[in-house]
Amino acid sequence: MKKGLFSALIAFMSITLSAYSQVGINTEAPITALDINGDLRIVTVPTNTTSQNVLVLGTNNVVSQNTMANLMSGASNLRSFVRGTSSTTINLISLTTDILTTGWFKIAMPVENFDYNTNATTRPNGDYNTSTYEFTAPVTGLYEIFVQFKTSSVVSASEVGVGIFKRNSGATAFTLIAEETFLSVNVSVLTINLDVSPPTRKTQTLVQLNAGDSIIFGAKVPLVSVTLVGGTSTYFTINQVR
């Protein structure tokens, strides 16, 4: 009789577990096959030195399997690594004074050497827009920014400089945050013109950007008609360090 009751109880429990197919520990409303509300302690597990899979927490703290390659790839897409230039001579763009400080012109660099934060769905243009020549921070963080240019013609007795400008998200005006500017001097010796100062200007800075903040690069020259040498002579790099 006892054996029959025990068998019936086991059968009933099996039917109940099959019907509900969810077991909750410390919870009355399990949402997965095994739902644990609390700590989980595992004393020992077999060692596996070849598998690259790990368990991760997703939505509602549901545990799922993923590969280390996918996780590392997803993490790298959160950071910006951009380099831009132009393969030919680079033109300057005149902007209204309420957008850029008087005497400065935007440097047009339409060629990306690389932009590692490009996503075909969410960010098809990456972090640097080759039409507006603006970099937009995808996330809040620290960014290391460098820019350099070389003039293709002599600019005499004028201040020539390169600058990095920042615009806060939602604002219209840019603020100069780094520059290198000094007088470009050209002297004449026996009817021969000699450049006393170098034609290259460069500057860099470490800046905290909030998501949506923009960066552009400017040239301080007397005339917008001044052109810059492209390729390896005029370029910028942006590296998110944190």
C-alpha atoms as a PDB file:
ATOM      1  CA  MET A   1       0.000   0.000   0.000  1.00  0.00           C
ATOM      2  CA  LYS A   2       2.789   2.410   0.965  1.00  0.00           C
ATOM      3  CA  LYS A   3       4.657   1.546  -2.206  1.00  0.00           C
ATOM      4  CA  GLY A   4       1.573   2.332  -4.262  1.00  0.00           C
ATOM      5  CA  LEU A   5       1.041   5.696  -2.534  1.00  0.00           C
ATOM      6  CA  PHE A   6       4.702   6.606  -3.036  1.00  0.00           C
ATOM      7  CA  SER A   7       4.508   5.749  -6.738  1.00  0.00           C
ATOM      8  CA  ALA A   8       1.336   7.785  -7.098  1.00  0.00           C
ATOM      9  CA  LEU A   9       2.978  10.765  -5.355  1.00  0.00           C
ATOM     10  CA  ILE A  10       5.996  10.608  -7.663  1.00  0.00           C
ATOM     11  CA  ALA A  11       3.732  10.412 -10.688  1.00  0.00           C
ATOM     12  CA  PHE A  12       1.690  13.397  -9.450  1.00  0.00           C
ATOM     13  CA  MET A  13       4.838  15.471  -8.892  1.00  0.00           C
ATOM     14  CA  SER A  14       6.118  14.593 -12.341  1.00  0.00           C
ATOM     15  CA  ILE A  15       2.829  15.638 -13.924  1.00  0.00           C
ATOM     16  CA  THR A  16       2.825  18.892 -11.902  1.00  0.00           C
ATOM     17  CA  LEU A  17       6.406  19.776 -12.847  1.00  0.00           C
ATOM     18  CA  SER A  18       5.748  18.947 -16.489  1.00  0.00           C
ATOM     19  CA  ALA A  19       2.607  21.074 -16.503  1.00  0.00           C
ATOM     20  CA  TYR A  20       4.253  24.119 -14.980  1.00  0.00           C
ATOM     21  CA  SER A  21       7.793  23.448 -16.394  1.00  0.00           C
ATOM     22  CA  GLN A  22       9.125  26.218 -14.160  1.00  0.00           C
ATOM     23  CA  VAL A  23      10.741  25.910 -10.749  1.00  0.00           C
ATOM     24  CA  GLY A  24      11.144  28.893  -8.473  1.00  0.00           C
ATOM     25  CA  ILE A  25      13.557  29.102  -5.539  1.00  0.00           C
ATOM     26  CA  ASN A  26      12.701  31.890  -3.118  1.00  0.00           C
ATOM     27  CA  THR A  27      10.114  33.199  -5.584  1.00  0.00           C
ATOM     28  CA  GLU A  28       6.454  32.384  -6.181  1.00  0.00           C
ATOM     29  CA  ALA A  29       6.421  33.656  -9.750  1.00  0.00           C
ATOM     30  CA  PRO A  30       9.194  31.991 -11.768  1.00  0.00           C
ATOM     31  CA  ILE A  31       9.563  33.213 -15.346  1.00  0.00           C
ATOM     32  CA  THR A  32      12.162  30.688 -16.521  1.00  0.00           C
ATOM     33  CA  ALA A  33      12.660  26.936 -16.196  1.00  0.00           C
ATOM     34  CA  LEU A  34      14.733  27.591 -13.061  1.00  0.00           C
ATOM     35  CA  ASP A  35      14.225  30.948 -11.362  1.00  0.00           C
ATOM     36  CA  ILE A  36      16.474  31.706  -8.385  1.00  0.00           C
ATOM     37  CA  ASN A  37      15.862  34.788  -6.272  1.00  0.00           C
ATOM     38  CA  GLY A  38      19.044  34.974  -4.224  1.00  0.00           C
ATOM     39  CA  ASP A  39      22.619  33.777  -4.172  1.00  0.00           C
ATOM     40  CA  LEU A  40      23.926  30.782  -6.092  1.00  0.00           C
ATOM     41  CA  ARG A  41      26.983  28.914  -4.803  1.00  0.00           C
ATOM     42  CA  ILE A  42      28.901  26.350  -6.823  1.00  0.00           C
ATOM     43  CA  VAL A  43      31.740  24.611  -5.007  1.00  0.00           C
ATOM     44  CA  THR A  44      33.567  23.020  -7.934  1.00  0.00           C
ATOM     45  CA  VAL A  45      33.029  22.672 -11.673  1.00  0.00           C
ATOM     46  CA  PRO A  46      34.996  20.852 -14.383  1.00  0.00           C
ATOM     47  CA  THR A  47      37.841  22.895 -15.903  1.00  0.00           C
ATOM     48  CA  ASN A  48      37.527  23.754 -19.604  1.00  0.00           C
ATOM     49  CA  THR A  49      40.557  25.377 -21.254  1.00  0.00           C
ATOM     50  CA  THR A  50      39.281  25.376 -24.852  1.00  0.00           C
ATOM     51  CA  SER A  51      35.779  26.866 -24.732  1.00  0.00           C
ATOM     52  CA  GLN A  52      35.389  30.608 -25.378  1.00  0.00           C
ATOM     53  CA  ASN A  53      31.787  30.781 -24.132  1.00  0.00           C
ATOM     54  CA  VAL A  54      30.680  32.617 -21.001  1.00  0.00           C
ATOM     55  CA  LEU A  55      27.400  33.158 -19.156  1.00  0.00           C
ATOM     56  CA  VAL A  56      26.051  36.708 -19.104  1.00  0.00           C
ATOM     57  CA  LEU A  57      23.063  38.474 -17.547  1.00  0.00           C
ATOM     58  CA  GLY A  58      20.529  39.913 -19.961  1.00  0.00           C
ATOM     59  CA  THR A  59      17.053  41.431 -19.686  1.00  0.00           C
ATOM     60  CA  ASN A  60      15.326  40.595 -16.387  1.00  0.00           C
ATOM     61  CA  ASN A  61      18.644  39.060 -15.262  1.00  0.00           C
ATOM     62  CA  VAL A  62      18.063  36.031 -17.482  1.00  0.00           C
ATOM     63  CA  VAL A  63      21.303  34.079 -17.925  1.00  0.00           C
ATOM     64  CA  SER A  64      22.357  33.372 -21.502  1.00  0.00           C
ATOM     65  CA  GLN A  65      25.419  32.093 -23.319  1.00  0.00           C
ATOM     66  CA  ASN A  66      27.708  34.314 -25.375  1.00  0.00           C
ATOM     67  CA  THR A  67      31.203  34.176 -26.806  1.00  0.00           C
ATOM     68  CA  MET A  68      34.142  36.265 -25.652  1.00  0.00           C
ATOM     69  CA  ALA A  69      34.615  37.498 -29.230  1.00  0.00           C
ATOM     70  CA  ASN A  70      31.082  38.931 -29.355  1.00  0.00           C
ATOM     71  CA  LEU A  71      31.443  40.580 -25.967  1.00  0.00           C
ATOM     72  CA  MET A  72      34.776  42.183 -26.839  1.00  0.00           C
ATOM     73  CA  SER A  73      33.433  43.341 -30.192  1.00  0.00           C
ATOM     74  CA  GLY A  74      30.430  44.948 -28.527  1.00  0.00           C
ATOM     75  CA  ALA A  75      32.618  46.700 -25.987  1.00  0.00           C
ATOM     76  CA  SER A  76      34.951  48.141 -28.653  1.00  0.00           C
ATOM     77  CA  ASN A  77      32.000  49.594 -30.576  1.00  0.00           C
ATOM     78  CA  LEU A  78      31.314  51.876 -27.627  1.00  0.00           C
ATOM     79  CA  ARG A  79      34.624  53.677 -28.152  1.00  0.00           C
ATOM     80  CA  SER A  80      35.648  56.103 -30.875  1.00  0.00           C
ATOM     81  CA  PHE A  81      38.764  55.725 -32.994  1.00  0.00           C
ATOM     82  CA  VAL A  82      38.731  58.113 -35.953  1.00  0.00           C
ATOM     83  CA  ARG A  83      41.299  59.480 -38.393  1.00  0.00           C
ATOM     84  CA  GLY A  84      40.410  61.879 -41.180  1.00  0.00           C
ATOM     85  CA  THR A  85      42.174  63.840 -43.925  1.00  0.00           C
ATOM     86  CA  SER A  86      41.880  64.616 -47.628  1.00  0.00           C
ATOM     87  CA  SER A  87      43.713  63.082 -50.544  1.00  0.00           C
ATOM     88  CA  THR A  88      44.049  66.438 -52.324  1.00  0.00           C
ATOM     89  CA  THR A  89      44.299  70.075 -51.294  1.00  0.00           C
ATOM     90  CA  ILE A  90      41.942  71.015 -48.466  1.00  0.00           C
ATOM     91  CA  ASN A  91      39.650  74.012 -48.629  1.00  0.00           C
ATOM     92  CA  LEU A  92      38.515  76.213 -45.774  1.00  0.00           C
ATOM     93  CA  ILE A  93      34.881  77.028 -45.061  1.00  0.00           C
ATOM     94  CA  SER A  94      33.799  80.446 -43.836  1.00  0.00           C
ATOM     95  CA  LEU A  95      31.279  80.295 -40.989  1.00  0.00           C
ATOM     96  CA  THR A  96      29.161  83.017 -39.425  1.00  0.00           C
ATOM     97  CA  THR A  97      30.710  84.650 -36.389  1.00  0.00           C
ATOM     98  CA  ASP A  98      28.046  83.343 -34.020  1.00  0.00           C
ATOM     99  CA  ILE A  99      29.117  79.789 -34.834  1.00  0.00           C
ATOM    100  CA  LEU A 100      32.897  80.165 -34.964  1.00  0.00           C
ATOM    101  CA  THR A 101      35.225  82.797 -33.521  1.00  0.00           C
ATOM    102  CA  THR A 102      36.046  85.655 -35.907  1.00  0.00           C
ATOM    103  CA  GLY A 103      39.150  84.983 -38.001  1.00  0.00           C
ATOM    104  CA  TRP A 104      38.785  81.198 -37.909  1.00  0.00           C
ATOM    105  CA  PHE A 105      37.621  78.978 -40.761  1.00  0.00           C
ATOM    106  CA  LYS A 106      36.449  75.380 -40.634  1.00  0.00           C
ATOM    107  CA  ILE A 107      38.851  72.831 -42.108  1.00  0.00           C
ATOM    108  CA  ALA A 108      37.095  70.512 -44.568  1.00  0.00           C
ATOM    109  CA  MET A 109      38.493  66.985 -44.282  1.00  0.00           C
ATOM    110  CA  PRO A 110      36.095  64.686 -46.186  1.00  0.00           C
ATOM    111  CA  VAL A 111      38.123  61.464 -46.152  1.00  0.00           C
ATOM    112  CA  GLU A 112      38.030  58.957 -43.305  1.00  0.00           C
ATOM    113  CA  ASN A 113      41.068  56.745 -42.947  1.00  0.00           C
ATOM    114  CA  PHE A 114      39.102  54.777 -40.362  1.00  0.00           C
ATOM    115  CA  ASP A 115      36.073  55.151 -38.092  1.00  0.00           C
ATOM    116  CA  TYR A 116      35.699  52.107 -35.861  1.00  0.00           C
ATOM    117  CA  ASN A 117      32.348  53.075 -34.374  1.00  0.00           C
ATOM    118  CA  THR A 118      30.340  52.624 -37.568  1.00  0.00           C
ATOM    119  CA  ASN A 119      27.139  50.562 -37.449  1.00  0.00           C
ATOM    120  CA  ALA A 120      25.047  49.972 -40.572  1.00  0.00           C
ATOM    121  CA  THR A 121      21.802  50.337 -38.593  1.00  0.00           C
ATOM    122  CA  THR A 122      22.383  52.719 -35.692  1.00  0.00           C
ATOM    123  CA  ARG A 123      25.364  54.795 -36.890  1.00  0.00           C
ATOM    124  CA  PRO A 124      25.760  54.416 -40.674  1.00  0.00           C
ATOM    125  CA  ASN A 125      27.965  57.531 -40.853  1.00  0.00           C
ATOM    126  CA  GLY A 126      30.060  56.621 -37.835  1.00  0.00           C
ATOM    127  CA  ASP A 127      31.131  59.299 -35.373  1.00  0.00           C
ATOM    128  CA  TYR A 128      32.633  61.635 -37.993  1.00  0.00           C
ATOM    129  CA  ASN A 129      30.397  63.180 -40.643  1.00  0.00           C
ATOM    130  CA  THR A 130      32.301  63.600 -43.912  1.00  0.00           C
ATOM    131  CA  SER A 131      29.689  66.079 -45.201  1.00  0.00           C
ATOM    132  CA  THR A 132      29.670  68.520 -42.281  1.00  0.00           C
ATOM    133  CA  TYR A 133      33.238  67.721 -41.133  1.00  0.00           C
ATOM    134  CA  GLU A 134      32.048  67.302 -37.561  1.00  0.00           C
ATOM    135  CA  PHE A 135      32.761  64.632 -34.981  1.00  0.00           C
ATOM    136  CA  THR A 136      29.917  63.777 -32.583  1.00  0.00           C
ATOM    137  CA  ALA A 137      30.653  61.949 -29.348  1.00  0.00           C
ATOM    138  CA  PRO A 138      28.577  58.740 -29.150  1.00  0.00           C
ATOM    139  CA  VAL A 139      28.940  58.391 -25.374  1.00  0.00           C
ATOM    140  CA  THR A 140      30.172  60.474 -22.463  1.00  0.00           C
ATOM    141  CA  GLY A 141      33.885  60.003 -21.856  1.00  0.00           C
ATOM    142  CA  LEU A 142      37.428  61.325 -22.184  1.00  0.00           C
ATOM    143  CA  TYR A 143      38.706  61.935 -25.711  1.00  0.00           C
ATOM    144  CA  GLU A 144      42.243  62.630 -26.925  1.00  0.00           C
ATOM    145  CA  ILE A 145      42.148  64.878 -29.991  1.00  0.00           C
ATOM    146  CA  PHE A 146      44.970  65.858 -32.359  1.00  0.00           C
ATOM    147  CA  VAL A 147      44.963  68.001 -35.500  1.00  0.00           C
ATOM    148  CA  GLN A 148      47.650  69.239 -37.874  1.00  0.00           C
ATOM    149  CA  PHE A 149      47.703  71.235 -41.097  1.00  0.00           C
ATOM    150  CA  LYS A 150      50.233  72.541 -43.598  1.00  0.00           C
ATOM    151  CA  THR A 151      49.599  75.548 -45.817  1.00  0.00           C
ATOM    152  CA  SER A 152      50.197  75.093 -49.536  1.00  0.00           C
ATOM    153  CA  SER A 153      51.204  78.715 -50.094  1.00  0.00           C
ATOM    154  CA  VAL A 154      53.215  81.358 -48.286  1.00  0.00           C
ATOM    155  CA  VAL A 155      51.253  83.407 -45.751  1.00  0.00           C
ATOM    156  CA  SER A 156      53.344  86.448 -44.890  1.00  0.00           C
ATOM    157  CA  ALA A 157      53.242  88.684 -41.818  1.00  0.00           C
ATOM    158  CA  SER A 158      50.041  87.146 -40.468  1.00  0.00           C
ATOM    159  CA  GLU A 159      48.992  85.012 -37.539  1.00  0.00           C
ATOM    160  CA  VAL A 160      48.449  81.454 -38.674  1.00  0.00           C
ATOM    161  CA  GLY A 161      47.031  78.844 -36.349  1.00  0.00           C
ATOM    162  CA  VAL A 162      45.127  75.611 -35.963  1.00  0.00           C
ATOM    163  CA  GLY A 163      42.421  75.056 -33.367  1.00  0.00           C
ATOM    164  CA  ILE A 164      40.077  72.479 -31.893  1.00  0.00           C
ATOM    165  CA  PHE A 165      36.527  73.688 -31.299  1.00  0.00           C
ATOM    166  CA  LYS A 166      33.819  72.115 -29.143  1.00  0.00           C
ATOM    167  CA  ARG A 167      30.055  72.602 -29.307  1.00  0.00           C
ATOM    168  CA  ASN A 168      27.863  71.346 -26.493  1.00  0.00           C
ATOM    169  CA  SER A 169      24.907  69.156 -27.396  1.00  0.00           C
ATOM    170  CA  GLY A 170      21.913  71.337 -28.286  1.00  0.00           C
ATOM    171  CA  ALA A 171      23.981  74.529 -28.625  1.00  0.00           C
ATOM    172  CA  THR A 172      24.877  76.470 -31.799  1.00  0.00           C
ATOM    173  CA  ALA A 173      28.183  78.178 -31.007  1.00  0.00           C
ATOM    174  CA  PHE A 174      31.579  76.502 -30.886  1.00  0.00           C
ATOM    175  CA  THR A 175      34.190  77.204 -28.210  1.00  0.00           C
ATOM    176  CA  LEU A 176      37.932  77.112 -28.851  1.00  0.00           C
ATOM    177  CA  ILE A 177      39.482  74.539 -26.491  1.00  0.00           C
ATOM    178  CA  ALA A 178      43.023  74.167 -27.903  1.00  0.00           C
ATOM    179  CA  GLU A 179      45.191  75.988 -30.438  1.00  0.00           C
ATOM    180  CA  GLU A 180      48.671  76.618 -31.759  1.00  0.00           C
ATOM    181  CA  THR A 181      49.041  80.075 -33.288  1.00  0.00           C
ATOM    182  CA  PHE A 182      52.083  82.159 -34.116  1.00  0.00           C
ATOM    183  CA  LEU A 183      53.180  84.728 -36.658  1.00  0.00           C
ATOM    184  CA  SER A 184      54.052  83.521 -40.131  1.00  0.00           C
ATOM    185  CA  VAL A 185      57.067  85.524 -41.265  1.00  0.00           C
ATOM    186  CA  ASN A 186      58.490  85.694 -44.767  1.00  0.00           C
ATOM    187  CA  VAL A 187      61.583  87.769 -45.512  1.00  0.00           C
ATOM    188  CA  SER A 188      63.177  88.824 -48.779  1.00  0.00           C
ATOM    189  CA  VAL A 189      66.919  88.388 -49.193  1.00  0.00           C
ATOM    190  CA  LEU A 190      68.395  89.505 -52.514  1.00  0.00           C
ATOM    191  CA  THR A 191      64.962  89.247 -54.162  1.00  0.00           C
ATOM    192  CA  ILE A 192      64.535  85.721 -52.793  1.00  0.00           C
ATOM    193  CA  ASN A 193      61.594  85.108 -50.454  1.00  0.00           C
ATOM    194  CA  LEU A 194      62.412  82.914 -47.481  1.00  0.00           C
ATOM    195  CA  ASP A 195      59.952  81.467 -44.961  1.00  0.00           C
ATOM    196  CA  VAL A 196      61.251  82.095 -41.468  1.00  0.00           C
ATOM    197  CA  SER A 197      58.421  80.250 -39.713  1.00  0.00           C
ATOM    198  CA  PRO A 198      57.295  76.721 -40.628  1.00  0.00           C
ATOM    199  CA  PRO A 199      54.088  76.206 -42.664  1.00  0.00           C
ATOM    200  CA  THR A 200      52.840  73.516 -40.279  1.00  0.00           C
ATOM    201  CA  ARG A 201      50.628  74.026 -37.232  1.00  0.00           C
ATOM    202  CA  LYS A 202      49.437  71.313 -34.851  1.00  0.00           C
ATOM    203  CA  THR A 203      47.736  71.011 -31.483  1.00  0.00           C
ATOM    204  CA  GLN A 204      46.179  68.380 -29.259  1.00  0.00           C
ATOM    205  CA  THR A 205      44.159  68.137 -26.070  1.00  0.00           C
ATOM    206  CA  LEU A 206      42.396  65.760 -23.710  1.00  0.00           C
ATOM    207  CA  VAL A 207      38.770  66.764 -23.218  1.00  0.00           C
ATOM    208  CA  GLN A 208      35.678  65.362 -21.551  1.00  0.00           C
ATOM    209  CA  LEU A 209      32.763  65.147 -23.962  1.00  0.00           C
ATOM    210  CA  ASN A 210      29.156  64.371 -23.215  1.00  0.00           C
ATOM    211  CA  ALA A 211      27.122  62.261 -25.617  1.00  0.00           C
ATOM    212  CA  GLY A 212      26.031  64.535 -28.470  1.00  0.00           C
ATOM    213  CA  ASP A 213      28.841  67.094 -28.109  1.00  0.00           C
ATOM    214  CA  SER A 214      30.534  68.018 -31.394  1.00  0.00           C
ATOM    215  CA  ILE A 215      34.111  68.745 -32.433  1.00  0.00           C
ATOM    216  CA  ILE A 216      35.348  70.640 -35.499  1.00  0.00           C
ATOM    217  CA  PHE A 217      38.776  71.842 -36.565  1.00  0.00           C
ATOM    218  CA  GLY A 218      39.602  75.401 -37.548  1.00  0.00           C
ATOM    219  CA  ALA A 219      42.381  77.298 -39.290  1.00  0.00           C
ATOM    220  CA  LYS A 220      43.288  80.857 -38.374  1.00  0.00           C
ATOM    221  CA  VAL A 221      44.455  82.504 -41.599  1.00  0.00           C
ATOM    222  CA  PRO A 222      44.038  85.990 -43.105  1.00  0.00           C
ATOM    223  CA  LEU A 223      42.046  84.770 -46.121  1.00  0.00           C
ATOM    224  CA  VAL A 224      39.597  81.923 -46.693  1.00  0.00           C
ATOM    225  CA  SER A 225      41.261  81.357 -50.077  1.00  0.00           C
ATOM    226  CA  VAL A 226      44.319  79.847 -48.375  1.00  0.00           C
ATOM    227  CA  THR A 227      44.473  76.126 -49.132  1.00  0.00           C
ATOM    228  CA  LEU A 228      46.015  73.334 -47.106  1.00  0.00           C
ATOM    229  CA  VAL A 229      48.097  70.375 -48.228  1.00  0.00           C
ATOM    230  CA  GLY A 230      46.188  67.085 -47.935  1.00  0.00           C
ATOM    231  CA  GLY A 231      47.351  63.545 -47.289  1.00  0.00           C
ATOM    232  CA  THR A 232      49.846  63.089 -44.476  1.00  0.00           C
ATOM    233  CA  SER A 233      50.375  66.846 -44.030  1.00  0.00           C
ATOM    234  CA  THR A 234      46.856  67.759 -42.871  1.00  0.00           C
ATOM    235  CA  TYR A 235      44.863  65.308 -40.760  1.00  0.00           C
ATOM    236  CA  PHE A 236      43.199  64.701 -37.401  1.00  0.00           C
ATOM    237  CA  THR A 237      42.859  61.801 -34.980  1.00  0.00           C
ATOM    238  CA  ILE A 238      40.332  61.228 -32.198  1.00  0.00           C
ATOM    239  CA  ASN A 239      40.839  58.490 -29.648  1.00  0.00           C
ATOM    240  CA  GLN A 240      38.410  57.830 -26.802  1.00  0.00           C
ATOM    241  CA  VAL A 241      40.570  56.860 -23.852  1.00  0.00           C
ATOM    242  CA  ARG A 242      37.842  56.356 -21.260  1.00  0.00           C
END
